[in-house]
Amino acid sequence: MNTQLPNLGLTGILGKGGTATVYQGKQLSTGRDVAVKVLEADFVRSPEDVTRFINEAKACARFRHNNIVRVYDAGEEQGIYYFVMELVNGYTFATYLARKKQVAVEDVLIILESVTEALKYAWQKFRVVHCDLKPDNIMVDSSGTIKLMDLGISKSLITATRDAADGNEEIMGTPAYMSPDQIYDLSDIDCRADIYSLGATAYHLLTGTTLFPGKTDQQVIDSHVGASFARDPRILAPTVPRALAQILNRMLAKDRNLRYPNWETLSADFQRLYAGETLLATPLKPGESSVGFTLEW
């Protein structure tokens, strides 16, 4: 990138995605090491979406939670849109999956609890929904702390990719983890959409495969909202406890009214799992969840 961003010195590329490039850099006024996410030039479609992106990025700077990557600033320079965030020395779970294929049950439970606490904080205090939960957006730092990225900004990015050129609006997210609520483009999306996406993410981490592998993006989207369901995770990962499979079954309800109603009830079931107590969630009927069950509950 040739453009010099104000108060920033960029030292190298950390990674590239479909919508942005992330650079390592330094905030010149403070000497703080940071990560700088720069949106691709052809990504932003309208001044309204740009304004929304900048405003939401700045709003993310309000978050103060140990499991959320801090956003320090956002801005624009000569048509370059970017935000400055905490530099996490660690790796994403997408990178981990590429190397190890699966994540141990005890580690997935830590991820689930940490992300649940982060999103409970964001929802309770700011009514923020992530809208793009996936292994790429969950990191672990050098001390073992789980860090959630792009909270609040993801919603902006998804909104910015709507394309009505052919008369049909489409929300571009990540099909493998997308909730039916997003697919239906509900106007009142709430924390239950993230609960679904976190369930899809946990399924991938545990089993090494997404809910609906080997399908086109459109087929995956159809599977989330249709009668399709993935295999019981215990078939692919026999170490998954029955209670965790039952929790995933409820998190991945196709009808949001059948999911956990909020982060508090999900967190309560994690505690019941650890204590060996009866869960709040009971198994759904076949076809009501995107993850089915073939083994005894």
Foldseek 3Di string as FASTA:
>chain_A
DPDDDPQKDFDAWPDDDPFWTKTWIARNVVRATWIKTKGDLPQFDDPVLLVQLQVQLVVQQPDDDQQEWHWDHWDDDPSITMTITHDAAWAFVVVVCVPPLADDPVLLLLQVLSVLVRVQVCCVPPQWEQQADARRQWTAGPVRHIHGYRTRSNVSSQVRRFDCPVPDTDGDYQLLQFALCVRVPPPDDGRLRVLSSSLQRSLCNHQSDGFDPPDDSVVSNCLLQFQAAREQSCVRHVVDDPLVSQLSQQSQFNDSVSHPVGSVLSSVSSVCVVVVHDHPGDHDDRSRGNHDYDDDD
